[in-house]
Amino acid sequence: MGIASLHPSYALKPDADPAALAVPASATMHSIGIRARAGARRAELREMARKAVGVICGCPVDAG
């Protein structure tokens, strides 16, 4: 299951470089893991993930 299965606007652009986009995705996951272990609130972690998807996919992501 890919990101696009979550919402059609999350699909990567045809000219996207998946290897390059994996770098910020991996860094975001790492940061979320560290923050979770440090006791960050779930809402804060979800917001970080939501914003990262918007940046990585190059699309606006509604607050959810």
N, C-alpha and C. Protein backbone atom coordinates (compact mmCIF):
# COMPACT_ATOMS: atom_id res chain seq x y z
N MET A 1 0.86 -1.17 0.00
CA MET A 1 0.00 0.00 0.00
C MET A 1 0.90 1.23 0.00
N GLY A 2 0.65 2.14 -0.94
CA GLY A 2 1.44 3.35 -1.02
C GLY A 2 0.69 4.55 -0.47
N ILE A 3 1.38 5.67 -0.47
CA ILE A 3 0.78 6.91 0.04
C ILE A 3 -0.46 7.28 -0.76
N ALA A 4 -0.44 7.05 -2.07
CA ALA A 4 -1.57 7.42 -2.92
C ALA A 4 -2.85 6.69 -2.52
N SER A 5 -2.73 5.53 -1.89
CA SER A 5 -3.93 4.80 -1.48
C SER A 5 -4.65 5.49 -0.33
N LEU A 6 -3.97 6.40 0.35
CA LEU A 6 -4.59 7.15 1.44
C LEU A 6 -5.51 8.24 0.92
N HIS A 7 -5.09 8.88 -0.16
CA HIS A 7 -5.86 9.97 -0.75
C HIS A 7 -5.28 10.21 -2.14
N PRO A 8 -6.12 10.37 -3.17
CA PRO A 8 -5.59 10.52 -4.53
C PRO A 8 -4.60 11.67 -4.70
N SER A 9 -4.77 12.77 -3.98
CA SER A 9 -3.86 13.91 -4.15
C SER A 9 -2.48 13.65 -3.56
N TYR A 10 -2.31 12.55 -2.83
CA TYR A 10 -1.02 12.23 -2.23
C TYR A 10 -0.08 11.53 -3.22
N ALA A 11 -0.56 11.24 -4.42
CA ALA A 11 0.27 10.54 -5.40
C ALA A 11 1.47 11.41 -5.78
N LEU A 12 2.60 10.76 -5.99
CA LEU A 12 3.79 11.48 -6.41
C LEU A 12 3.64 11.93 -7.85
N LYS A 13 4.29 13.02 -8.17
CA LYS A 13 4.28 13.51 -9.54
C LYS A 13 5.07 12.52 -10.41
N PRO A 14 4.73 12.44 -11.69
CA PRO A 14 5.41 11.47 -12.57
C PRO A 14 6.93 11.65 -12.63
N ASP A 15 7.40 12.87 -12.46
CA ASP A 15 8.84 13.12 -12.55
C ASP A 15 9.54 13.09 -11.19
N ALA A 16 8.84 12.65 -10.17
CA ALA A 16 9.41 12.60 -8.81
C ALA A 16 10.55 11.59 -8.74
N ASP A 17 11.51 11.89 -7.90
CA ASP A 17 12.66 11.00 -7.68
C ASP A 17 12.43 10.27 -6.35
N PRO A 18 11.92 9.05 -6.38
CA PRO A 18 11.61 8.33 -5.15
C PRO A 18 12.80 8.20 -4.20
N ALA A 19 13.98 8.00 -4.73
CA ALA A 19 15.17 7.86 -3.87
C ALA A 19 15.45 9.16 -3.13
N ALA A 20 15.28 10.28 -3.80
CA ALA A 20 15.51 11.57 -3.15
C ALA A 20 14.41 11.85 -2.12
N LEU A 21 13.18 11.50 -2.43
CA LEU A 21 12.08 11.74 -1.51
C LEU A 21 12.13 10.81 -0.30
N ALA A 22 12.82 9.68 -0.44
CA ALA A 22 12.96 8.76 0.68
C ALA A 22 13.80 9.35 1.80
N VAL A 23 14.69 10.27 1.47
CA VAL A 23 15.55 10.88 2.49
C VAL A 23 14.72 11.68 3.51
N PRO A 24 13.89 12.65 3.08
CA PRO A 24 13.09 13.36 4.09
C PRO A 24 12.03 12.46 4.74
N ALA A 25 11.53 11.46 4.00
CA ALA A 25 10.55 10.54 4.59
C ALA A 25 11.20 9.75 5.72
N SER A 26 12.38 9.24 5.49
CA SER A 26 13.10 8.49 6.51
C SER A 26 13.46 9.37 7.70
N ALA A 27 13.90 10.58 7.42
CA ALA A 27 14.26 11.50 8.51
C ALA A 27 13.04 11.85 9.36
N THR A 28 11.90 12.01 8.70
CA THR A 28 10.67 12.31 9.44
C THR A 28 10.27 11.14 10.32
N MET A 29 10.34 9.93 9.79
CA MET A 29 10.00 8.74 10.59
C MET A 29 10.93 8.61 11.79
N HIS A 30 12.19 8.88 11.57
CA HIS A 30 13.17 8.81 12.66
C HIS A 30 12.83 9.84 13.73
N SER A 31 12.55 11.06 13.30
CA SER A 31 12.22 12.13 14.24
C SER A 31 10.94 11.81 15.03
N ILE A 32 9.94 11.28 14.33
CA ILE A 32 8.69 10.92 15.00
C ILE A 32 8.95 9.84 16.05
N GLY A 33 9.78 8.86 15.72
CA GLY A 33 10.11 7.80 16.68
C GLY A 33 10.79 8.34 17.92
N ILE A 34 11.75 9.23 17.73
CA ILE A 34 12.46 9.82 18.87
C ILE A 34 11.50 10.65 19.72
N ARG A 35 10.68 11.45 19.07
CA ARG A 35 9.72 12.28 19.82
C ARG A 35 8.71 11.43 20.57
N ALA A 36 8.28 10.33 19.95
CA ALA A 36 7.33 9.43 20.62
C ALA A 36 7.94 8.83 21.88
N ARG A 37 9.18 8.38 21.77
CA ARG A 37 9.85 7.81 22.94
C ARG A 37 10.08 8.85 24.02
N ALA A 38 10.19 10.13 23.61
CA ALA A 38 10.40 11.20 24.58
C ALA A 38 9.09 11.67 25.20
N GLY A 39 7.96 11.12 24.73
CA GLY A 39 6.68 11.44 25.35
C GLY A 39 5.83 12.47 24.61
N ALA A 40 6.14 12.73 23.36
CA ALA A 40 5.34 13.69 22.60
C ALA A 40 3.90 13.19 22.47
N ARG A 41 2.99 14.13 22.40
CA ARG A 41 1.58 13.77 22.26
C ARG A 41 1.31 13.21 20.86
N ARG A 42 0.38 12.27 20.79
CA ARG A 42 0.03 11.64 19.51
C ARG A 42 -0.41 12.68 18.49
N ALA A 43 -1.18 13.67 18.90
CA ALA A 43 -1.64 14.71 17.97
C ALA A 43 -0.46 15.46 17.36
N GLU A 44 0.54 15.72 18.16
CA GLU A 44 1.74 16.42 17.68
C GLU A 44 2.47 15.55 16.63
N LEU A 45 2.56 14.27 16.90
CA LEU A 45 3.24 13.36 15.97
C LEU A 45 2.46 13.23 14.66
N ARG A 46 1.15 13.16 14.76
CA ARG A 46 0.32 13.08 13.56
C ARG A 46 0.45 14.35 12.72
N GLU A 47 0.50 15.48 13.38
CA GLU A 47 0.64 16.75 12.67
C GLU A 47 1.98 16.80 11.93
N MET A 48 3.02 16.32 12.56
CA MET A 48 4.34 16.28 11.92
C MET A 48 4.29 15.38 10.68
N ALA A 49 3.67 14.23 10.81
CA ALA A 49 3.55 13.30 9.67
C ALA A 49 2.71 13.91 8.56
N ARG A 50 1.62 14.56 8.92
CA ARG A 50 0.74 15.19 7.93
C ARG A 50 1.49 16.25 7.13
N LYS A 51 2.25 17.07 7.81
CA LYS A 51 3.01 18.12 7.13
C LYS A 51 4.10 17.52 6.24
N ALA A 52 4.73 16.46 6.71
CA ALA A 52 5.78 15.81 5.91
C ALA A 52 5.20 15.25 4.61
N VAL A 53 4.03 14.63 4.68
CA VAL A 53 3.39 14.10 3.47
C VAL A 53 3.13 15.23 2.48
N GLY A 54 2.67 16.36 2.98
CA GLY A 54 2.42 17.50 2.10
C GLY A 54 3.68 17.98 1.40
N VAL A 55 4.77 18.05 2.14
CA VAL A 55 6.04 18.49 1.56
C VAL A 55 6.58 17.46 0.58
N ILE A 56 6.58 16.21 0.97
CA ILE A 56 7.14 15.15 0.13
C ILE A 56 6.33 14.98 -1.15
N CYS A 57 5.02 15.02 -1.05
CA CYS A 57 4.18 14.83 -2.23
C CYS A 57 3.95 16.11 -3.01
N GLY A 58 4.30 17.25 -2.41
CA GLY A 58 4.11 18.51 -3.10
C GLY A 58 2.65 18.88 -3.25
N CYS A 59 1.85 18.54 -2.25
CA CYS A 59 0.43 18.82 -2.32
C CYS A 59 -0.06 19.33 -0.96
N PRO A 60 -1.13 20.11 -0.97
CA PRO A 60 -1.70 20.52 0.31
C PRO A 60 -2.36 19.33 0.99
N VAL A 61 -2.21 19.24 2.29
CA VAL A 61 -2.80 18.15 3.05
C VAL A 61 -3.71 18.76 4.10
N ASP A 62 -4.98 18.39 4.05
CA ASP A 62 -5.95 18.91 5.01
C ASP A 62 -5.63 18.42 6.41
N ALA A 63 -5.92 19.26 7.39
CA ALA A 63 -5.78 18.84 8.78
C ALA A 63 -6.80 17.74 9.02
N GLY A 64 -6.37 16.74 9.78
CA GLY A 64 -7.30 15.63 9.97
C GLY A 64 -7.36 15.13 11.30
